[in-house]
Amino acid sequence: MMEYTELKIRLMQQGAVFTREARANMNHTRFGHIVYEDYATTGGVVIKMDNRIYANVPVKYENTPFLVDFKDQKFRLEMNGRMLNTLVEIMPAPGFALNNALLPDGTPVRELVMVHADRMRISPIHGCDYHCQFCTCNHQRYLEIPYGTLEQAVQTALSDNSVSPRHILISGGTPKQEDGTYQYLNEVYRYFPKKHSDYDFDVMLSPRGLHARDAGKEGYTDFLKYLYEDCGIKTLSVNLELYQDELRRRYIQDKYKIGKDNYYLFIQKAVDIFGQGNVRSSLIAGLEIIEDTLKGVQVLCSLGCIPVLSAFVPGDGTDLQQHPKPDSEFLLQLVLAADDIARQHGMELGPVCRPCTHNSITKETGNASWM
């Protein structure tokens, strides 16, 4: 018997072999490709177990106890030759990404828009003005994408019959601190929720004001009210990433310069405006000791902010590509302790959306049984 919490963690860390029969019944290219690896934490196949547990499973060819097969018209998960005694579903990768659909100007749609499980992500900035050492974005050329071009990409994604996004995230990278760039993003934040009002919108960002260099309590409040009242944004993700100050300085120097106190101030103002349960913050699991990550969980919960645990995955081409990823035992110990802290505050580890938990470390209920 294995608890689903441990099974999910092991699947995310160890990956699975996908048989020829499984691949033939998944969304795939003519070359048999079944994934498009955009980010290190989303580069696998999203599977759903027991109709409620989601996991991003890296595709492996060996050195894993897990195998995904297709038998009797159903997907089956096996571990060391034993079959999971519950329904397994595969969340399809979007066809526009697998087949590299292009916009009229030749831009790949998947560089601007991506769909994972039930969430579409819009990336209005190519590259990033920040230089977090675990992220691939800061090695890309910085470019602000016209929202007319973004809209073309969104329409292409929405017309893809292989995926059905339920909500939309407007993500990074982080903009340059220039008035023109801030104004551009402000317009993006307003345009898409108004244009696609059938969808709930979420924004992922660092603390900022309405205008460049307009920070602090008043600046934060004005900007957050603009997002909530003028744009109709429903939820926010303000990622603290790390708690320990020296590691923040080393790995996320630009966010370190903002200061944790300003992160806390921004998050508190966001909770006041958007409401508890509508603001979350990710902590990277595996770059600092468990005790420091738990301190981050504690302070986020005290602010009314949902903590999200994201396991560190070394991305190719990043400064930390040789850094070892955390093992399953480390993550299991962390998530159990973090879940206890969250529940003491009347909260749960996020994200709130179940499909969006596919690449987060979460405490799951129940046990996995094997045939």
Protein backbone atom coordinates (compact mmCIF):
# COMPACT_ATOMS: atom_id res chain seq x y z
CA MET A 1 0.00 0.00 0.00
CA MET A 2 1.27 3.47 -0.89
CA GLU A 3 -0.37 6.78 -0.06
CA TYR A 4 -1.32 8.87 -3.08
CA THR A 5 0.87 11.70 -1.78
CA GLU A 6 3.96 9.52 -2.09
CA LEU A 7 2.86 8.02 -5.41
CA LYS A 8 2.39 11.46 -6.95
CA ILE A 9 5.79 12.65 -5.72
CA ARG A 10 7.55 9.55 -7.01
CA LEU A 11 5.87 9.84 -10.41
CA MET A 12 6.88 13.49 -10.69
CA GLN A 13 10.47 12.79 -9.68
CA GLN A 14 11.06 9.43 -11.38
CA GLY A 15 8.89 9.72 -14.49
CA ALA A 16 7.40 6.82 -16.43
CA VAL A 17 7.94 4.83 -19.59
CA PHE A 18 5.06 5.24 -22.06
CA THR A 19 4.56 2.15 -24.19
CA ARG A 20 3.99 2.17 -27.95
CA GLU A 21 0.32 1.32 -27.34
CA ALA A 22 -0.04 4.20 -24.89
CA ARG A 23 1.59 6.66 -27.29
CA ALA A 24 -0.64 5.52 -30.15
CA ASN A 25 -3.71 6.45 -28.09
CA MET A 26 -2.36 9.81 -26.91
CA ASN A 27 -2.16 13.10 -28.77
CA HIS A 28 1.07 12.80 -30.72
CA THR A 29 2.94 14.01 -33.78
CA ARG A 30 3.65 11.89 -36.84
CA PHE A 31 7.04 11.24 -35.26
CA GLY A 32 5.43 9.89 -32.09
CA HIS A 33 6.26 12.87 -29.86
CA ILE A 34 3.80 13.21 -26.96
CA VAL A 35 5.15 16.25 -25.07
CA TYR A 36 6.40 19.74 -25.73
CA GLU A 37 8.83 20.80 -23.00
CA ASP A 38 8.30 24.50 -22.42
CA TYR A 39 9.36 24.79 -18.75
CA ALA A 40 11.31 22.29 -16.68
CA THR A 41 8.36 21.85 -14.29
CA THR A 42 5.76 21.34 -17.04
CA GLY A 43 7.69 19.23 -19.51
CA GLY A 44 5.97 15.92 -18.88
CA VAL A 45 2.64 14.21 -19.49
CA VAL A 46 -0.16 15.28 -17.15
CA ILE A 47 -2.00 12.23 -15.85
CA LYS A 48 -5.05 12.02 -13.62
CA MET A 49 -5.48 9.16 -11.13
CA ASP A 50 -8.60 8.18 -9.25
CA ASN A 51 -10.44 11.03 -11.01
CA ARG A 52 -8.89 13.65 -8.70
CA ILE A 53 -5.09 13.42 -8.43
CA TYR A 54 -3.01 15.16 -11.08
CA ALA A 55 0.71 14.69 -11.71
CA ASN A 56 3.16 15.99 -14.28
CA VAL A 57 5.07 12.84 -15.26
CA PRO A 58 8.38 13.17 -17.16
CA VAL A 59 8.76 10.82 -20.12
CA LYS A 60 11.48 8.23 -19.51
CA TYR A 61 12.82 5.29 -21.46
CA GLU A 62 14.50 3.43 -18.60
CA ASN A 63 15.54 3.65 -14.93
CA THR A 64 12.04 4.10 -13.51
CA PRO A 65 9.68 1.63 -11.82
CA PHE A 66 6.67 3.22 -13.56
CA LEU A 67 5.10 2.34 -16.89
CA VAL A 68 2.00 3.70 -18.62
CA ASP A 69 0.31 1.23 -20.98
CA PHE A 70 -2.97 1.02 -22.89
CA LYS A 71 -4.92 -2.19 -22.34
CA ASP A 72 -8.59 -3.08 -22.83
CA GLN A 73 -9.25 0.41 -24.18
CA LYS A 74 -7.97 2.02 -20.98
CA PHE A 75 -4.74 3.63 -19.84
CA ARG A 76 -3.04 1.70 -17.07
CA LEU A 77 -0.29 2.70 -14.67
CA GLU A 78 2.12 0.01 -13.52
CA MET A 79 4.79 0.07 -10.82
CA ASN A 80 7.35 -2.72 -10.89
CA GLY A 81 4.95 -4.82 -12.94
CA ARG A 82 1.90 -4.33 -10.69
CA MET A 83 -1.07 -2.40 -12.04
CA LEU A 84 -2.73 0.51 -10.23
CA ASN A 85 -6.26 -0.53 -9.35
CA THR A 86 -7.94 2.72 -10.41
CA LEU A 87 -8.77 4.74 -13.49
CA VAL A 88 -5.91 6.61 -15.15
CA GLU A 89 -6.55 9.42 -17.63
CA ILE A 90 -4.12 11.29 -19.86
CA MET A 91 -4.47 15.06 -20.26
CA PRO A 92 -3.58 15.67 -23.92
CA ALA A 93 -0.78 17.96 -24.95
CA PRO A 94 -2.09 20.73 -27.24
CA GLY A 95 -1.88 19.97 -30.93
CA PHE A 96 -0.71 23.49 -31.76
CA ALA A 97 2.37 22.91 -29.58
CA LEU A 98 3.17 19.38 -30.72
CA ASN A 99 2.84 20.33 -34.39
CA ASN A 100 4.46 23.76 -34.03
CA ALA A 101 1.58 25.82 -35.43
CA LEU A 102 2.76 29.18 -36.73
CA LEU A 103 1.14 32.61 -36.81
CA PRO A 104 1.03 34.47 -40.16
CA ASP A 105 4.29 36.23 -39.27
CA GLY A 106 6.01 32.88 -38.64
CA THR A 107 5.98 33.05 -34.82
CA PRO A 108 5.37 29.66 -33.17
CA VAL A 109 2.13 29.80 -31.21
CA ARG A 110 3.68 27.76 -28.40
CA GLU A 111 6.16 30.59 -27.68
CA LEU A 112 3.28 32.90 -26.77
CA VAL A 113 0.56 30.59 -25.46
CA MET A 114 0.60 27.16 -23.81
CA VAL A 115 -2.06 24.90 -22.31
CA HIS A 116 -1.44 22.50 -19.41
CA ALA A 117 -4.39 20.50 -18.08
CA ASP A 118 -7.21 23.08 -17.94
CA ARG A 119 -5.14 26.28 -17.82
CA MET A 120 -3.95 28.41 -20.71
CA ARG A 121 -0.85 30.54 -20.12
CA ILE A 122 -0.28 33.75 -22.06
CA SER A 123 3.31 35.05 -22.15
CA PRO A 124 3.26 38.73 -23.15
CA ILE A 125 7.02 39.12 -22.63
CA HIS A 126 9.57 36.86 -24.30
CA GLY A 127 12.56 36.54 -22.02
CA CYS A 128 12.72 38.35 -18.68
CA ASP A 129 14.36 41.37 -17.10
CA TYR A 130 15.19 39.27 -14.02
CA HIS A 131 17.97 36.68 -13.84
CA CYS A 132 16.84 33.87 -11.56
CA GLN A 133 19.44 31.14 -11.84
CA PHE A 134 16.99 28.25 -12.16
CA CYS A 135 14.92 29.83 -14.97
CA THR A 136 15.39 29.44 -18.72
CA CYS A 137 13.61 32.69 -19.56
CA ASN A 138 16.48 35.02 -18.71
CA HIS A 139 18.64 33.48 -21.46
CA GLN A 140 16.08 34.41 -24.09
CA ARG A 141 16.04 37.68 -26.00
CA TYR A 142 13.82 40.21 -24.23
CA LEU A 143 10.83 41.18 -26.36
CA GLU A 144 7.40 42.62 -25.65
CA ILE A 145 4.79 40.87 -27.79
CA PRO A 146 2.07 43.13 -29.32
CA TYR A 147 -1.26 42.08 -27.90
CA GLY A 148 -2.69 41.81 -31.40
CA THR A 149 -0.16 39.02 -31.99
CA LEU A 150 -0.96 37.52 -28.59
CA GLU A 151 -4.64 37.55 -29.49
CA GLN A 152 -3.92 35.59 -32.68
CA ALA A 153 -2.09 32.99 -30.60
CA VAL A 154 -4.93 32.80 -28.07
CA GLN A 155 -7.49 32.28 -30.83
CA THR A 156 -5.36 29.51 -32.33
CA ALA A 157 -5.17 27.79 -28.95
CA LEU A 158 -8.89 28.14 -28.29
CA SER A 159 -9.66 26.53 -31.65
CA ASP A 160 -7.49 23.49 -30.83
CA ASN A 161 -9.91 20.60 -30.33
CA SER A 162 -7.41 18.56 -28.32
CA VAL A 163 -7.52 20.87 -25.28
CA SER A 164 -10.25 22.71 -23.37
CA PRO A 165 -8.81 25.43 -21.12
CA ARG A 166 -11.08 26.55 -18.29
CA HIS A 167 -9.10 29.55 -17.07
CA ILE A 168 -6.23 31.72 -18.27
CA LEU A 169 -2.96 32.80 -16.65
CA ILE A 170 -1.11 35.91 -17.81
CA SER A 171 2.47 35.11 -16.89
CA GLY A 172 5.99 36.54 -17.16
CA GLY A 173 8.67 37.32 -17.73
CA THR A 174 9.18 40.30 -15.50
CA PRO A 175 9.05 43.64 -17.35
CA LYS A 176 11.75 46.25 -17.54
CA GLN A 177 11.22 49.13 -15.11
CA GLU A 178 10.21 51.58 -17.80
CA ASP A 179 6.98 53.56 -18.07
CA GLY A 180 6.27 52.33 -21.60
CA THR A 181 6.66 48.69 -20.61
CA TYR A 182 4.48 49.06 -17.53
CA GLN A 183 1.80 50.77 -19.60
CA TYR A 184 1.98 47.99 -22.18
CA LEU A 185 1.44 45.30 -19.54
CA ASN A 186 -1.31 47.30 -17.88
CA GLU A 187 -3.13 47.28 -21.21
CA VAL A 188 -2.55 43.52 -21.60
CA TYR A 189 -4.02 42.91 -18.14
CA ARG A 190 -7.13 44.86 -19.13
CA TYR A 191 -7.50 43.72 -22.75
CA PHE A 192 -7.66 39.94 -22.37
CA PRO A 193 -10.15 39.64 -19.48
CA LYS A 194 -12.45 42.07 -21.32
CA LYS A 195 -12.01 40.27 -24.66
CA HIS A 196 -12.45 36.78 -23.19
CA SER A 197 -14.89 37.42 -20.38
CA ASP A 198 -16.07 33.79 -20.33
CA TYR A 199 -12.79 32.84 -18.63
CA ASP A 200 -11.42 33.62 -15.19
CA PHE A 201 -8.04 35.34 -15.37
CA ASP A 202 -5.04 34.96 -13.13
CA VAL A 203 -1.83 37.03 -13.16
CA MET A 204 1.64 35.89 -12.08
CA LEU A 205 3.96 38.76 -11.21
CA SER A 206 6.44 40.30 -8.79
CA PRO A 207 5.56 43.22 -6.50
CA ARG A 208 5.14 46.38 -8.55
CA GLY A 209 3.18 49.61 -8.72
CA LEU A 210 0.91 50.97 -11.40
CA HIS A 211 3.83 52.81 -12.96
CA ALA A 212 7.56 52.13 -13.16
CA ARG A 213 9.39 52.77 -9.87
CA ASP A 214 6.01 53.41 -8.23
CA ALA A 215 6.45 50.96 -5.35
CA GLY A 216 5.61 51.00 -1.66
CA LYS A 217 2.28 50.82 0.11
CA GLU A 218 0.42 53.40 -1.96
CA GLY A 219 1.86 52.26 -5.29
CA TYR A 220 1.09 48.63 -4.56
CA THR A 221 -2.48 49.43 -3.56
CA ASP A 222 -3.18 51.48 -6.69
CA PHE A 223 -1.89 48.75 -8.96
CA LEU A 224 -3.71 45.92 -7.18
CA LYS A 225 -6.97 47.86 -7.27
CA TYR A 226 -6.44 48.44 -10.98
CA LEU A 227 -6.06 44.69 -11.59
CA TYR A 228 -9.07 43.79 -9.47
CA GLU A 229 -11.50 46.61 -10.15
CA ASP A 230 -10.62 47.83 -13.64
CA CYS A 231 -9.33 44.65 -15.29
CA GLY A 232 -11.44 42.00 -13.57
CA ILE A 233 -8.51 39.77 -12.64
CA LYS A 234 -9.73 37.05 -10.25
CA THR A 235 -6.56 35.62 -8.69
CA LEU A 236 -2.86 36.41 -8.29
CA SER A 237 0.37 34.45 -7.98
CA VAL A 238 3.18 36.39 -6.26
CA ASN A 239 6.01 33.90 -5.94
CA LEU A 240 8.36 34.32 -2.98
CA GLU A 241 10.43 31.39 -4.38
CA LEU A 242 12.86 31.10 -1.44
CA TYR A 243 12.87 32.14 2.21
CA GLN A 244 16.53 32.02 3.27
CA ASP A 245 18.13 35.41 2.59
CA GLU A 246 21.56 34.28 1.44
CA LEU A 247 20.04 31.85 -1.05
CA ARG A 248 17.67 34.55 -2.26
CA ARG A 249 20.68 36.79 -2.87
CA ARG A 250 22.52 34.01 -4.68
CA TYR A 251 19.75 32.48 -6.79
CA ILE A 252 17.13 35.23 -7.28
CA GLN A 253 19.14 38.43 -6.97
CA ASP A 254 16.54 40.73 -8.55
CA LYS A 255 13.78 39.46 -6.27
CA TYR A 256 16.19 39.65 -3.35
CA LYS A 257 16.68 43.37 -4.08
CA ILE A 258 12.93 43.94 -3.78
CA GLY A 259 13.16 42.56 -0.25
CA LYS A 260 11.02 40.04 1.56
CA ASP A 261 9.29 42.80 3.51
CA ASN A 262 8.05 44.32 0.26
CA TYR A 263 6.88 40.89 -0.89
CA TYR A 264 4.97 40.51 2.36
CA LEU A 265 3.50 44.00 2.01
CA PHE A 266 2.40 43.38 -1.57
CA ILE A 267 0.94 39.97 -0.74
CA GLN A 268 -0.93 41.35 2.28
CA LYS A 269 -2.40 44.17 0.18
CA ALA A 270 -3.35 41.63 -2.50
CA VAL A 271 -5.17 39.45 0.05
CA ASP A 272 -6.98 42.53 1.38
CA ILE A 273 -8.18 43.44 -2.11
CA PHE A 274 -8.69 40.07 -3.83
CA GLY A 275 -9.79 38.18 -0.72
CA GLN A 276 -8.33 35.21 1.13
CA GLY A 277 -8.10 32.16 -1.10
CA ASN A 278 -7.40 34.22 -4.20
CA VAL A 279 -3.68 34.93 -3.72
CA ARG A 280 -0.99 32.26 -3.80
CA SER A 281 2.80 32.15 -3.67
CA SER A 282 5.20 29.43 -4.78
CA LEU A 283 8.17 28.22 -2.78
CA ILE A 284 10.85 26.17 -4.52
CA ALA A 285 11.41 22.88 -2.72
CA GLY A 286 14.94 21.55 -2.80
CA LEU A 287 17.18 24.61 -2.95
CA GLU A 288 17.05 25.33 0.78
CA ILE A 289 16.70 23.17 3.85
CA ILE A 290 13.24 22.00 4.87
CA GLU A 291 13.17 24.22 7.96
CA ASP A 292 13.62 27.38 5.87
CA THR A 293 10.96 26.44 3.36
CA LEU A 294 8.58 25.76 6.25
CA LYS A 295 9.31 29.25 7.61
CA GLY A 296 8.17 30.53 4.23
CA VAL A 297 5.01 28.46 4.44
CA GLN A 298 4.35 29.84 7.92
CA VAL A 299 4.69 33.48 6.94
CA LEU A 300 2.59 33.10 3.78
CA CYS A 301 -0.20 31.43 5.75
CA SER A 302 -0.05 34.20 8.34
CA LEU A 303 -0.69 36.69 5.51
CA GLY A 304 -3.70 34.75 4.27
CA CYS A 305 -1.77 33.66 1.17
CA ILE A 306 -1.99 30.11 -0.18
CA PRO A 307 1.46 28.44 -0.15
CA VAL A 308 2.40 26.37 -3.18
CA LEU A 309 5.33 23.93 -3.15
CA SER A 310 7.14 23.58 -6.45
CA ALA A 311 9.89 20.96 -6.59
CA PHE A 312 13.15 22.24 -8.02
CA VAL A 313 13.86 20.79 -11.46
CA PRO A 314 17.27 21.56 -13.01
CA GLY A 315 16.54 23.12 -16.39
CA ASP A 316 18.83 22.62 -19.36
CA GLY A 317 20.88 25.70 -20.12
CA THR A 318 20.32 27.31 -16.73
CA ASP A 319 22.97 28.21 -14.16
CA LEU A 320 21.64 25.43 -11.93
CA GLN A 321 21.40 22.68 -14.53
CA GLN A 322 23.95 20.59 -12.59
CA HIS A 323 22.32 21.16 -9.20
CA PRO A 324 20.77 17.90 -7.91
CA LYS A 325 17.01 17.78 -7.69
CA PRO A 326 15.44 16.86 -4.33
CA ASP A 327 14.69 13.19 -3.72
CA SER A 328 11.22 11.86 -3.03
CA GLU A 329 11.84 11.36 0.69
CA PHE A 330 12.83 15.03 1.10
CA LEU A 331 9.68 16.19 -0.69
CA LEU A 332 7.45 13.82 1.26
CA GLN A 333 8.82 15.05 4.59
CA LEU A 334 8.39 18.66 3.46
CA VAL A 335 4.84 18.36 2.17
CA LEU A 336 3.56 16.60 5.29
CA ALA A 337 5.00 19.30 7.55
CA ALA A 338 3.83 22.12 5.28
CA ASP A 339 0.33 20.66 5.14
CA ASP A 340 0.20 20.64 8.95
CA ILE A 341 1.15 24.34 9.05
CA ALA A 342 -1.44 25.26 6.42
CA ARG A 343 -4.19 23.39 8.24
CA GLN A 344 -3.33 25.14 11.49
CA HIS A 345 -4.24 28.34 9.65
CA GLY A 346 -7.43 26.86 8.21
CA MET A 347 -5.84 26.56 4.77
CA GLU A 348 -4.55 23.93 2.35
CA LEU A 349 -1.51 23.83 0.11
CA GLY A 350 -2.30 25.17 -3.33
CA PRO A 351 -3.13 25.64 -6.07
CA VAL A 352 -6.86 25.61 -5.37
CA CYS A 353 -7.66 24.37 -8.90
CA ARG A 354 -7.17 20.60 -8.89
CA PRO A 355 -5.83 20.22 -12.46
CA CYS A 356 -3.35 23.04 -11.74
CA THR A 357 -1.80 20.96 -8.96
CA HIS A 358 -0.19 18.72 -11.58
CA ASN A 359 3.27 20.30 -11.15
CA SER A 360 3.02 21.16 -7.46
CA ILE A 361 3.80 19.01 -4.42
CA THR A 362 0.49 18.49 -2.63
CA LYS A 363 -0.89 16.44 0.24
CA GLU A 364 -3.35 13.96 -1.23
CA THR A 365 -5.90 11.76 0.51
CA GLY A 366 -6.23 8.01 0.20
CA ASN A 367 -4.07 5.07 -0.69
CA ALA A 368 -3.11 3.58 -4.03
CA SER A 369 -3.80 -0.14 -4.31
CA TRP A 370 -2.15 -2.42 -6.85
CA MET A 371 -3.28 -5.55 -8.66
